[in-house]
């Protein structure tokens, strides 16, 4: 399959505690991992997507292969490691809210090395996508991100970087240093406004965009949550309002947004049109529970936009 987008990162199998259940299973299983969610979102919008991921030869790895095949996501770049597990995590609940417990140390994904990056596939793709989590899980995974960027830049493949900030994985100073070093080399950087405030100390959206453009990113896509999103380049910027809905669960909404946005970009759509489409897709995905199941398909997004009068 000819690939439009390669999405590089760690899939995580999910166990989510069911609140108020006295009999039956305590946890429901599902799928997580930002770059896997991204891949499924982009594929549901019609993009040709490949996941670049290392999995264990365990049942959780098998389930991810089944998921991606069912979503039309290419798995030819997936490697299975018989000596390391697929990462998993648990979501639990109490009176203080919900909590995440990870079992990912030494995962197959965290052991990838720069020498294992598929250079020819990256060169042939339109877009190479990754996130700060891919940096954070290990030093060799971070080195592999930089190797992928180098391959992509030399070949003219676009690069997109989601700054997903997870301070349970690494300290703020290291996160800031690596994220901002990466920002120097990418075509698209996609922070959320709350993450960007922690990383830069800035709260004004325009100043945040100016900061990342100043580092060297060619295009900033700033996610503003319920307030919408904006893009900024060296010579243009636009802010798009959100689409108010009665949200049930915002899990994976940012990944949905990113996947929908870049599915449009690789299809040749403008930044403005891609932003409006991604905003609508992200609103729709909050109407269901979980990261993957409620991801909308293109026909759903188009119908929602027509209903709301979004051009």
C-alpha atoms as a PDB file:
ATOM      1  CA  UNK A   1       0.000   0.000   0.000  1.00  0.00           C
ATOM      2  CA  UNK A   2       1.197   3.496  -0.845  1.00  0.00           C
ATOM      3  CA  UNK A   3       1.227   5.482   2.384  1.00  0.00           C
ATOM      4  CA  UNK A   4       0.191   9.102   2.846  1.00  0.00           C
ATOM      5  CA  UNK A   5       1.014   9.223   6.572  1.00  0.00           C
ATOM      6  CA  UNK A   6       3.363   7.283   8.851  1.00  0.00           C
ATOM      7  CA  UNK A   7       2.441   7.570  12.536  1.00  0.00           C
ATOM      8  CA  UNK A   8       5.317   6.682  14.872  1.00  0.00           C
ATOM      9  CA  UNK A   9       4.877   5.953  18.567  1.00  0.00           C
ATOM     10  CA  UNK A  10       3.799   3.612  21.336  1.00  0.00           C
ATOM     11  CA  UNK A  11       0.401   1.899  21.390  1.00  0.00           C
ATOM     12  CA  UNK A  12      -0.937   1.186  24.881  1.00  0.00           C
ATOM     13  CA  UNK A  13      -3.594  -1.369  25.710  1.00  0.00           C
ATOM     14  CA  UNK A  14      -6.156   0.088  28.101  1.00  0.00           C
ATOM     15  CA  UNK A  15      -8.047  -1.255  31.105  1.00  0.00           C
ATOM     16  CA  UNK A  16     -10.650   1.231  32.335  1.00  0.00           C
ATOM     17  CA  UNK A  17     -12.369   0.694  35.672  1.00  0.00           C
ATOM     18  CA  UNK A  18     -16.144   0.553  35.460  1.00  0.00           C
ATOM     19  CA  UNK A  19     -17.679   2.824  38.074  1.00  0.00           C
ATOM     20  CA  UNK A  20     -20.519   1.488  40.182  1.00  0.00           C
ATOM     21  CA  UNK A  21     -20.205  -2.156  39.091  1.00  0.00           C
ATOM     22  CA  UNK A  22     -20.794  -4.662  41.910  1.00  0.00           C
ATOM     23  CA  UNK A  23     -20.779  -7.844  39.834  1.00  0.00           C
ATOM     24  CA  UNK A  24     -19.076  -8.750  36.595  1.00  0.00           C
ATOM     25  CA  UNK A  25     -15.779  -7.385  35.256  1.00  0.00           C
ATOM     26  CA  UNK A  26     -14.170  -4.482  37.093  1.00  0.00           C
ATOM     27  CA  UNK A  27     -12.376  -3.201  34.009  1.00  0.00           C
ATOM     28  CA  UNK A  28     -13.263  -2.781  30.361  1.00  0.00           C
ATOM     29  CA  UNK A  29     -10.470  -3.195  27.834  1.00  0.00           C
ATOM     30  CA  UNK A  30      -9.730  -0.801  25.025  1.00  0.00           C
ATOM     31  CA  UNK A  31      -7.016   0.852  22.992  1.00  0.00           C
ATOM     32  CA  UNK A  32      -4.842   3.878  23.734  1.00  0.00           C
ATOM     33  CA  UNK A  33      -1.633   5.528  22.689  1.00  0.00           C
ATOM     34  CA  UNK A  34      -1.744   8.917  21.011  1.00  0.00           C
ATOM     35  CA  UNK A  35      -0.139   7.959  17.713  1.00  0.00           C
ATOM     36  CA  UNK A  36      -2.384   4.901  17.352  1.00  0.00           C
ATOM     37  CA  UNK A  37      -5.468   7.041  18.001  1.00  0.00           C
ATOM     38  CA  UNK A  38      -4.124   9.538  15.467  1.00  0.00           C
ATOM     39  CA  UNK A  39      -3.683   6.797  12.862  1.00  0.00           C
ATOM     40  CA  UNK A  40      -7.232   5.518  13.316  1.00  0.00           C
ATOM     41  CA  UNK A  41      -8.627   9.053  13.090  1.00  0.00           C
ATOM     42  CA  UNK A  42      -6.755   9.826   9.874  1.00  0.00           C
ATOM     43  CA  UNK A  43      -7.758   6.493   8.348  1.00  0.00           C
ATOM     44  CA  UNK A  44     -11.447   7.105   9.108  1.00  0.00           C
ATOM     45  CA  UNK A  45     -11.174  10.336   7.121  1.00  0.00           C
ATOM     46  CA  UNK A  46      -9.862   8.433   4.102  1.00  0.00           C
ATOM     47  CA  UNK A  47      -6.084   8.855   4.429  1.00  0.00           C
ATOM     48  CA  UNK A  48      -3.752   5.961   3.710  1.00  0.00           C
ATOM     49  CA  UNK A  49      -1.972   5.484   7.034  1.00  0.00           C
ATOM     50  CA  UNK A  50       0.793   3.201   8.291  1.00  0.00           C
ATOM     51  CA  UNK A  51       1.685   2.735  11.943  1.00  0.00           C
ATOM     52  CA  UNK A  52       5.354   2.541  12.838  1.00  0.00           C
ATOM     53  CA  UNK A  53       5.332   0.702  16.151  1.00  0.00           C
ATOM     54  CA  UNK A  54       7.088  -2.091  18.001  1.00  0.00           C
ATOM     55  CA  UNK A  55       4.861  -4.522  19.927  1.00  0.00           C
ATOM     56  CA  UNK A  56       5.387  -7.571  22.074  1.00  0.00           C
ATOM     57  CA  UNK A  57       4.461 -11.004  20.795  1.00  0.00           C
ATOM     58  CA  UNK A  58       1.660 -11.061  23.357  1.00  0.00           C
ATOM     59  CA  UNK A  59      -2.122 -10.999  23.230  1.00  0.00           C
ATOM     60  CA  UNK A  60      -2.191  -7.200  23.590  1.00  0.00           C
ATOM     61  CA  UNK A  61       0.024  -6.827  20.547  1.00  0.00           C
ATOM     62  CA  UNK A  62      -2.243  -9.215  18.652  1.00  0.00           C
ATOM     63  CA  UNK A  63      -5.250  -7.087  19.538  1.00  0.00           C
ATOM     64  CA  UNK A  64      -3.583  -3.957  18.171  1.00  0.00           C
ATOM     65  CA  UNK A  65      -2.829  -5.717  14.895  1.00  0.00           C
ATOM     66  CA  UNK A  66      -6.494  -6.725  14.686  1.00  0.00           C
ATOM     67  CA  UNK A  67      -7.609  -3.173  15.490  1.00  0.00           C
ATOM     68  CA  UNK A  68      -5.445  -1.555  12.836  1.00  0.00           C
ATOM     69  CA  UNK A  69      -6.447  -4.055  10.179  1.00  0.00           C
ATOM     70  CA  UNK A  70     -10.119  -3.475  10.978  1.00  0.00           C
ATOM     71  CA  UNK A  71      -9.536   0.299  10.693  1.00  0.00           C
ATOM     72  CA  UNK A  72      -7.756   0.007   7.353  1.00  0.00           C
ATOM     73  CA  UNK A  73      -4.405   1.065   8.867  1.00  0.00           C
ATOM     74  CA  UNK A  74      -1.359  -0.557   7.276  1.00  0.00           C
ATOM     75  CA  UNK A  75       0.760  -2.688   9.637  1.00  0.00           C
ATOM     76  CA  UNK A  76       3.726  -3.474   7.381  1.00  0.00           C
ATOM     77  CA  UNK A  77       6.018  -1.263   9.510  1.00  0.00           C
ATOM     78  CA  UNK A  78       5.064  -2.975  12.785  1.00  0.00           C
ATOM     79  CA  UNK A  79       7.761  -5.103  14.421  1.00  0.00           C
ATOM     80  CA  UNK A  80       7.074  -7.757  17.075  1.00  0.00           C
ATOM     81  CA  UNK A  81       9.627  -8.220  19.871  1.00  0.00           C
ATOM     82  CA  UNK A  82       9.496 -11.639  21.587  1.00  0.00           C
ATOM     83  CA  UNK A  83      11.590 -10.351  24.507  1.00  0.00           C
ATOM     84  CA  UNK A  84       9.583  -7.254  25.492  1.00  0.00           C
ATOM     85  CA  UNK A  85       5.897  -6.606  26.212  1.00  0.00           C
ATOM     86  CA  UNK A  86       3.281  -4.349  24.696  1.00  0.00           C
ATOM     87  CA  UNK A  87       2.654  -1.426  27.070  1.00  0.00           C
ATOM     88  CA  UNK A  88      -0.574  -1.326  29.074  1.00  0.00           C
ATOM     89  CA  UNK A  89      -2.268   1.151  31.405  1.00  0.00           C
ATOM     90  CA  UNK A  90      -5.131   1.239  33.876  1.00  0.00           C
ATOM     91  CA  UNK A  91      -7.690   3.971  34.531  1.00  0.00           C
ATOM     92  CA  UNK A  92      -9.156   3.926  38.042  1.00  0.00           C
ATOM     93  CA  UNK A  93     -11.624   6.225  39.770  1.00  0.00           C
ATOM     94  CA  UNK A  94     -12.209   7.560  43.262  1.00  0.00           C
ATOM     95  CA  UNK A  95     -13.649  10.630  44.946  1.00  0.00           C
ATOM     96  CA  UNK A  96     -10.655  12.674  43.704  1.00  0.00           C
ATOM     97  CA  UNK A  97     -11.276  11.825  40.054  1.00  0.00           C
ATOM     98  CA  UNK A  98      -9.680   9.407  37.622  1.00  0.00           C
ATOM     99  CA  UNK A  99      -6.117   8.149  37.816  1.00  0.00           C
ATOM    100  CA  UNK A 100      -3.723   6.522  35.368  1.00  0.00           C
ATOM    101  CA  UNK A 101      -1.387   3.664  36.267  1.00  0.00           C
ATOM    102  CA  UNK A 102       1.100   2.634  33.587  1.00  0.00           C
ATOM    103  CA  UNK A 103       2.887  -0.665  33.007  1.00  0.00           C
ATOM    104  CA  UNK A 104       5.100   0.359  30.108  1.00  0.00           C
ATOM    105  CA  UNK A 105       8.684   0.294  31.416  1.00  0.00           C
ATOM    106  CA  UNK A 106      10.826  -1.811  29.089  1.00  0.00           C
ATOM    107  CA  UNK A 107       8.031  -2.067  26.531  1.00  0.00           C
ATOM    108  CA  UNK A 108       8.824  -3.167  22.995  1.00  0.00           C
ATOM    109  CA  UNK A 109       8.070   0.347  21.737  1.00  0.00           C
ATOM    110  CA  UNK A 110      10.575   1.915  24.135  1.00  0.00           C
ATOM    111  CA  UNK A 111      13.413  -0.260  22.798  1.00  0.00           C
ATOM    112  CA  UNK A 112      13.351   0.917  19.178  1.00  0.00           C
ATOM    113  CA  UNK A 113      16.687   2.250  17.909  1.00  0.00           C
ATOM    114  CA  UNK A 114      17.572   4.738  15.151  1.00  0.00           C
ATOM    115  CA  UNK A 115      19.014   1.890  13.084  1.00  0.00           C
ATOM    116  CA  UNK A 116      15.538   0.325  12.979  1.00  0.00           C
ATOM    117  CA  UNK A 117      13.843   3.345  11.420  1.00  0.00           C
ATOM    118  CA  UNK A 118      12.416   2.398   7.972  1.00  0.00           C
ATOM    119  CA  UNK A 119      14.156   5.004   5.831  1.00  0.00           C
ATOM    120  CA  UNK A 120      12.659   4.066   2.464  1.00  0.00           C
ATOM    121  CA  UNK A 121       9.104   4.088   3.825  1.00  0.00           C
ATOM    122  CA  UNK A 122       9.586   7.511   5.444  1.00  0.00           C
ATOM    123  CA  UNK A 123      11.056   8.887   2.223  1.00  0.00           C
ATOM    124  CA  UNK A 124       8.056   7.632   0.231  1.00  0.00           C
ATOM    125  CA  UNK A 125       5.394   9.023   2.594  1.00  0.00           C
ATOM    126  CA  UNK A 126       3.798  12.456   2.394  1.00  0.00           C
ATOM    127  CA  UNK A 127       3.896  13.000   6.171  1.00  0.00           C
ATOM    128  CA  UNK A 128       5.861  11.590   9.111  1.00  0.00           C
ATOM    129  CA  UNK A 129       3.989  12.099  12.407  1.00  0.00           C
ATOM    130  CA  UNK A 130       5.203  11.612  15.991  1.00  0.00           C
ATOM    131  CA  UNK A 131       4.648  13.010  19.466  1.00  0.00           C
ATOM    132  CA  UNK A 132       6.544  14.100  22.548  1.00  0.00           C
ATOM    133  CA  UNK A 133       5.474  10.851  24.211  1.00  0.00           C
ATOM    134  CA  UNK A 134       7.554   8.988  21.625  1.00  0.00           C
ATOM    135  CA  UNK A 135      10.490  11.095  22.837  1.00  0.00           C
ATOM    136  CA  UNK A 136       9.687  10.590  26.513  1.00  0.00           C
ATOM    137  CA  UNK A 137       9.476   6.804  26.779  1.00  0.00           C
ATOM    138  CA  UNK A 138      13.230   6.228  26.365  1.00  0.00           C
ATOM    139  CA  UNK A 139      16.461   7.782  25.148  1.00  0.00           C
ATOM    140  CA  UNK A 140      16.691   5.404  22.185  1.00  0.00           C
ATOM    141  CA  UNK A 141      13.106   6.133  21.165  1.00  0.00           C
ATOM    142  CA  UNK A 142      13.897   9.862  21.320  1.00  0.00           C
ATOM    143  CA  UNK A 143      16.996   9.318  19.194  1.00  0.00           C
ATOM    144  CA  UNK A 144      14.804   7.427  16.738  1.00  0.00           C
ATOM    145  CA  UNK A 145      12.463  10.417  16.447  1.00  0.00           C
ATOM    146  CA  UNK A 146      15.382  12.655  15.504  1.00  0.00           C
ATOM    147  CA  UNK A 147      16.586  10.043  12.995  1.00  0.00           C
ATOM    148  CA  UNK A 148      13.117   9.956  11.437  1.00  0.00           C
ATOM    149  CA  UNK A 149      13.072  13.761  11.166  1.00  0.00           C
ATOM    150  CA  UNK A 150      16.477  13.698   9.471  1.00  0.00           C
ATOM    151  CA  UNK A 151      15.323  11.100   6.938  1.00  0.00           C
ATOM    152  CA  UNK A 152      12.091  12.994   6.259  1.00  0.00           C
ATOM    153  CA  UNK A 153      13.769  16.394   5.834  1.00  0.00           C
ATOM    154  CA  UNK A 154      16.330  15.017   3.398  1.00  0.00           C
ATOM    155  CA  UNK A 155      13.546  13.446   1.312  1.00  0.00           C
ATOM    156  CA  UNK A 156      11.095  16.361   1.419  1.00  0.00           C
ATOM    157  CA  UNK A 157       8.587  14.409   3.513  1.00  0.00           C
ATOM    158  CA  UNK A 158       6.535  16.695   5.758  1.00  0.00           C
ATOM    159  CA  UNK A 159       6.937  16.297   9.531  1.00  0.00           C
ATOM    160  CA  UNK A 160       4.290  16.845  12.201  1.00  0.00           C
ATOM    161  CA  UNK A 161       4.916  16.935  15.944  1.00  0.00           C
ATOM    162  CA  UNK A 162       2.280  16.757  18.661  1.00  0.00           C
ATOM    163  CA  UNK A 163       3.728  18.144  21.893  1.00  0.00           C
ATOM    164  CA  UNK A 164       1.609  15.870  24.144  1.00  0.00           C
ATOM    165  CA  UNK A 165       3.127  16.683  27.522  1.00  0.00           C
ATOM    166  CA  UNK A 166       3.168  13.852  30.059  1.00  0.00           C
ATOM    167  CA  UNK A 167       5.172  14.899  33.101  1.00  0.00           C
ATOM    168  CA  UNK A 168       4.806  11.439  34.670  1.00  0.00           C
ATOM    169  CA  UNK A 169       7.205  10.262  31.973  1.00  0.00           C
ATOM    170  CA  UNK A 170       9.899  12.935  32.291  1.00  0.00           C
ATOM    171  CA  UNK A 171      10.734  16.102  34.151  1.00  0.00           C
ATOM    172  CA  UNK A 172       9.681  19.498  32.890  1.00  0.00           C
ATOM    173  CA  UNK A 173      13.171  20.777  32.132  1.00  0.00           C
ATOM    174  CA  UNK A 174      14.083  17.765  30.006  1.00  0.00           C
ATOM    175  CA  UNK A 175      10.668  17.799  28.335  1.00  0.00           C
ATOM    176  CA  UNK A 176      10.999  21.487  27.511  1.00  0.00           C
ATOM    177  CA  UNK A 177      14.524  21.040  26.163  1.00  0.00           C
ATOM    178  CA  UNK A 178      13.718  18.090  23.903  1.00  0.00           C
ATOM    179  CA  UNK A 179      10.381  19.466  22.705  1.00  0.00           C
ATOM    180  CA  UNK A 180      11.847  22.839  21.839  1.00  0.00           C
ATOM    181  CA  UNK A 181      14.860  21.289  20.129  1.00  0.00           C
ATOM    182  CA  UNK A 182      12.471  19.223  18.008  1.00  0.00           C
ATOM    183  CA  UNK A 183      10.414  22.320  17.215  1.00  0.00           C
ATOM    184  CA  UNK A 184      13.388  23.773  15.327  1.00  0.00           C
ATOM    185  CA  UNK A 185      13.152  21.149  12.588  1.00  0.00           C
ATOM    186  CA  UNK A 186       9.477  20.372  11.952  1.00  0.00           C
ATOM    187  CA  UNK A 187       6.988  21.536   9.358  1.00  0.00           C
ATOM    188  CA  UNK A 188       4.042  21.381  11.770  1.00  0.00           C
ATOM    189  CA  UNK A 189       3.996  21.633  15.554  1.00  0.00           C
ATOM    190  CA  UNK A 190       0.717  20.993  17.388  1.00  0.00           C
ATOM    191  CA  UNK A 191       0.646  22.117  21.027  1.00  0.00           C
ATOM    192  CA  UNK A 192      -2.484  22.546  23.089  1.00  0.00           C
ATOM    193  CA  UNK A 193      -2.745  25.922  24.759  1.00  0.00           C
ATOM    194  CA  UNK A 194      -2.492  24.488  28.288  1.00  0.00           C
ATOM    195  CA  UNK A 195       0.638  22.473  27.436  1.00  0.00           C
ATOM    196  CA  UNK A 196       2.186  25.448  25.685  1.00  0.00           C
ATOM    197  CA  UNK A 197       1.623  27.639  28.737  1.00  0.00           C
ATOM    198  CA  UNK A 198       3.585  25.160  30.880  1.00  0.00           C
ATOM    199  CA  UNK A 199       6.352  24.848  28.292  1.00  0.00           C
ATOM    200  CA  UNK A 200       6.745  28.503  27.379  1.00  0.00           C
ATOM    201  CA  UNK A 201       5.275  30.485  30.274  1.00  0.00           C
ATOM    202  CA  UNK A 202       3.029  32.257  27.767  1.00  0.00           C
ATOM    203  CA  UNK A 203      -0.780  32.237  27.780  1.00  0.00           C
ATOM    204  CA  UNK A 204      -1.692  34.468  24.841  1.00  0.00           C
ATOM    205  CA  UNK A 205      -2.331  32.246  21.767  1.00  0.00           C
ATOM    206  CA  UNK A 206      -0.684  34.643  19.323  1.00  0.00           C
ATOM    207  CA  UNK A 207       2.438  34.911  21.481  1.00  0.00           C
ATOM    208  CA  UNK A 208       2.607  31.121  21.765  1.00  0.00           C
ATOM    209  CA  UNK A 209       2.438  30.836  17.988  1.00  0.00           C
ATOM    210  CA  UNK A 210       5.119  33.504  17.608  1.00  0.00           C
ATOM    211  CA  UNK A 211       7.335  31.632  20.058  1.00  0.00           C
ATOM    212  CA  UNK A 212       7.237  28.360  18.099  1.00  0.00           C
ATOM    213  CA  UNK A 213       7.596  30.088  14.758  1.00  0.00           C
ATOM    214  CA  UNK A 214      10.633  31.815  16.249  1.00  0.00           C
ATOM    215  CA  UNK A 215      12.155  28.453  17.157  1.00  0.00           C
ATOM    216  CA  UNK A 216      11.906  27.332  13.541  1.00  0.00           C
ATOM    217  CA  UNK A 217       8.606  25.457  13.174  1.00  0.00           C
ATOM    218  CA  UNK A 218       7.100  26.346   9.793  1.00  0.00           C
ATOM    219  CA  UNK A 219       3.452  26.077  10.857  1.00  0.00           C
ATOM    220  CA  UNK A 220       1.928  26.154  14.337  1.00  0.00           C
ATOM    221  CA  UNK A 221      -1.433  24.458  14.920  1.00  0.00           C
ATOM    222  CA  UNK A 222      -2.593  25.554  18.363  1.00  0.00           C
ATOM    223  CA  UNK A 223      -5.411  23.542  19.956  1.00  0.00           C
ATOM    224  CA  UNK A 224      -7.643  25.734  22.108  1.00  0.00           C
ATOM    225  CA  UNK A 225     -10.025  23.080  23.486  1.00  0.00           C
ATOM    226  CA  UNK A 226     -13.652  24.206  23.551  1.00  0.00           C
ATOM    227  CA  UNK A 227     -12.543  27.556  22.132  1.00  0.00           C
ATOM    228  CA  UNK A 228     -11.491  25.968  18.845  1.00  0.00           C
ATOM    229  CA  UNK A 229      -8.058  26.164  17.243  1.00  0.00           C
ATOM    230  CA  UNK A 230      -5.779  28.391  15.209  1.00  0.00           C
ATOM    231  CA  UNK A 231      -2.951  28.119  12.747  1.00  0.00           C
ATOM    232  CA  UNK A 232      -0.036  30.462  12.242  1.00  0.00           C
ATOM    233  CA  UNK A 233       2.727  30.688   9.655  1.00  0.00           C
ATOM    234  CA  UNK A 234       5.297  33.404   9.041  1.00  0.00           C
ATOM    235  CA  UNK A 235       2.851  35.305   6.850  1.00  0.00           C
ATOM    236  CA  UNK A 236      -0.692  34.283   7.849  1.00  0.00           C
ATOM    237  CA  UNK A 237      -2.788  33.123  10.781  1.00  0.00           C
ATOM    238  CA  UNK A 238      -6.414  32.322  11.480  1.00  0.00           C
ATOM    239  CA  UNK A 239      -8.464  31.392  14.514  1.00  0.00           C
ATOM    240  CA  UNK A 240     -11.504  29.110  14.189  1.00  0.00           C
ATOM    241  CA  UNK A 241     -14.212  28.883  16.832  1.00  0.00           C
ATOM    242  CA  UNK A 242     -15.145  25.594  18.461  1.00  0.00           C
ATOM    243  CA  UNK A 243     -18.353  23.636  17.887  1.00  0.00           C
ATOM    244  CA  UNK A 244     -20.293  23.478  21.180  1.00  0.00           C
ATOM    245  CA  UNK A 245     -21.656  20.005  21.999  1.00  0.00           C
ATOM    246  CA  UNK A 246     -22.810  18.157  25.118  1.00  0.00           C
ATOM    247  CA  UNK A 247     -19.525  16.336  25.585  1.00  0.00           C
ATOM    248  CA  UNK A 248     -19.483  12.953  27.327  1.00  0.00           C
ATOM    249  CA  UNK A 249     -15.789  12.092  27.168  1.00  0.00           C
ATOM    250  CA  UNK A 250     -12.877  14.108  25.778  1.00  0.00           C
ATOM    251  CA  UNK A 251     -10.501  11.116  25.742  1.00  0.00           C
ATOM    252  CA  UNK A 252      -8.492  11.203  22.537  1.00  0.00           C
ATOM    253  CA  UNK A 253     -10.160  14.364  21.216  1.00  0.00           C
ATOM    254  CA  UNK A 254      -6.775  15.968  20.523  1.00  0.00           C
ATOM    255  CA  UNK A 255      -5.600  12.866  18.650  1.00  0.00           C
ATOM    256  CA  UNK A 256      -8.842  12.863  16.656  1.00  0.00           C
ATOM    257  CA  UNK A 257      -8.276  16.527  15.790  1.00  0.00           C
ATOM    258  CA  UNK A 258      -4.707  15.885  14.635  1.00  0.00           C
ATOM    259  CA  UNK A 259      -5.587  12.841  12.542  1.00  0.00           C
ATOM    260  CA  UNK A 260      -8.485  14.616  10.866  1.00  0.00           C
ATOM    261  CA  UNK A 261      -6.398  17.730  10.223  1.00  0.00           C
ATOM    262  CA  UNK A 262      -3.549  15.894   8.523  1.00  0.00           C
ATOM    263  CA  UNK A 263      -5.841  13.621   6.530  1.00  0.00           C
ATOM    264  CA  UNK A 264      -7.043  16.830   4.907  1.00  0.00           C
ATOM    265  CA  UNK A 265      -3.562  18.323   4.535  1.00  0.00           C
ATOM    266  CA  UNK A 266      -2.197  15.285   2.657  1.00  0.00           C
ATOM    267  CA  UNK A 267      -5.326  15.394   0.473  1.00  0.00           C
ATOM    268  CA  UNK A 268      -4.316  18.895  -0.602  1.00  0.00           C
ATOM    269  CA  UNK A 269      -6.779  20.938   1.453  1.00  0.00           C
ATOM    270  CA  UNK A 270      -5.874  24.395   2.775  1.00  0.00           C
ATOM    271  CA  UNK A 271      -4.822  25.078   6.354  1.00  0.00           C
ATOM    272  CA  UNK A 272      -8.091  26.943   6.945  1.00  0.00           C
ATOM    273  CA  UNK A 273     -10.333  24.199   5.578  1.00  0.00           C
ATOM    274  CA  UNK A 274      -8.353  21.496   7.358  1.00  0.00           C
ATOM    275  CA  UNK A 275      -8.668  23.361  10.658  1.00  0.00           C
ATOM    276  CA  UNK A 276     -12.450  23.710  10.365  1.00  0.00           C
ATOM    277  CA  UNK A 277     -12.813  20.044   9.495  1.00  0.00           C
ATOM    278  CA  UNK A 278     -10.583  18.915  12.383  1.00  0.00           C
ATOM    279  CA  UNK A 279     -12.515  21.103  14.821  1.00  0.00           C
ATOM    280  CA  UNK A 280     -15.764  19.444  13.800  1.00  0.00           C
ATOM    281  CA  UNK A 281     -14.277  15.938  14.030  1.00  0.00           C
ATOM    282  CA  UNK A 282     -12.914  16.615  17.519  1.00  0.00           C
ATOM    283  CA  UNK A 283     -16.306  17.873  18.713  1.00  0.00           C
ATOM    284  CA  UNK A 284     -18.023  14.742  17.392  1.00  0.00           C
ATOM    285  CA  UNK A 285     -15.611  12.328  19.065  1.00  0.00           C
ATOM    286  CA  UNK A 286     -16.485  13.740  22.517  1.00  0.00           C
ATOM    287  CA  UNK A 287     -20.047  12.417  22.118  1.00  0.00           C
ATOM    288  CA  UNK A 288     -18.954   8.835  22.876  1.00  0.00           C
ATOM    289  CA  UNK A 289     -16.725   7.049  25.372  1.00  0.00           C
ATOM    290  CA  UNK A 290     -13.159   5.926  24.774  1.00  0.00           C
ATOM    291  CA  UNK A 291     -10.404   6.938  22.390  1.00  0.00           C
ATOM    292  CA  UNK A 292     -11.176   4.923  19.252  1.00  0.00           C
ATOM    293  CA  UNK A 293     -14.821   3.814  19.165  1.00  0.00           C
ATOM    294  CA  UNK A 294     -16.352   7.315  18.854  1.00  0.00           C
ATOM    295  CA  UNK A 295     -13.903   8.579  16.211  1.00  0.00           C
ATOM    296  CA  UNK A 296     -16.118   9.923  13.407  1.00  0.00           C
ATOM    297  CA  UNK A 297     -15.945   8.939   9.760  1.00  0.00           C
ATOM    298  CA  UNK A 298     -15.726  11.514   6.985  1.00  0.00           C
ATOM    299  CA  UNK A 299     -19.441  11.279   6.190  1.00  0.00           C
ATOM    300  CA  UNK A 300     -20.287  12.012   9.841  1.00  0.00           C
ATOM    301  CA  UNK A 301     -18.013  15.051   9.937  1.00  0.00           C
ATOM    302  CA  UNK A 302     -19.363  16.402   6.662  1.00  0.00           C
ATOM    303  CA  UNK A 303     -22.969  15.984   7.855  1.00  0.00           C
ATOM    304  CA  UNK A 304     -22.163  17.721  11.154  1.00  0.00           C
ATOM    305  CA  UNK A 305     -20.494  20.621   9.360  1.00  0.00           C
ATOM    306  CA  UNK A 306     -23.460  20.992   7.007  1.00  0.00           C
ATOM    307  CA  UNK A 307     -25.869  20.946   9.923  1.00  0.00           C
ATOM    308  CA  UNK A 308     -23.849  23.631  11.746  1.00  0.00           C
ATOM    309  CA  UNK A 309     -23.322  25.696   8.623  1.00  0.00           C
ATOM    310  CA  UNK A 310     -19.532  25.292   8.741  1.00  0.00           C
ATOM    311  CA  UNK A 311     -18.015  25.750   5.296  1.00  0.00           C
END
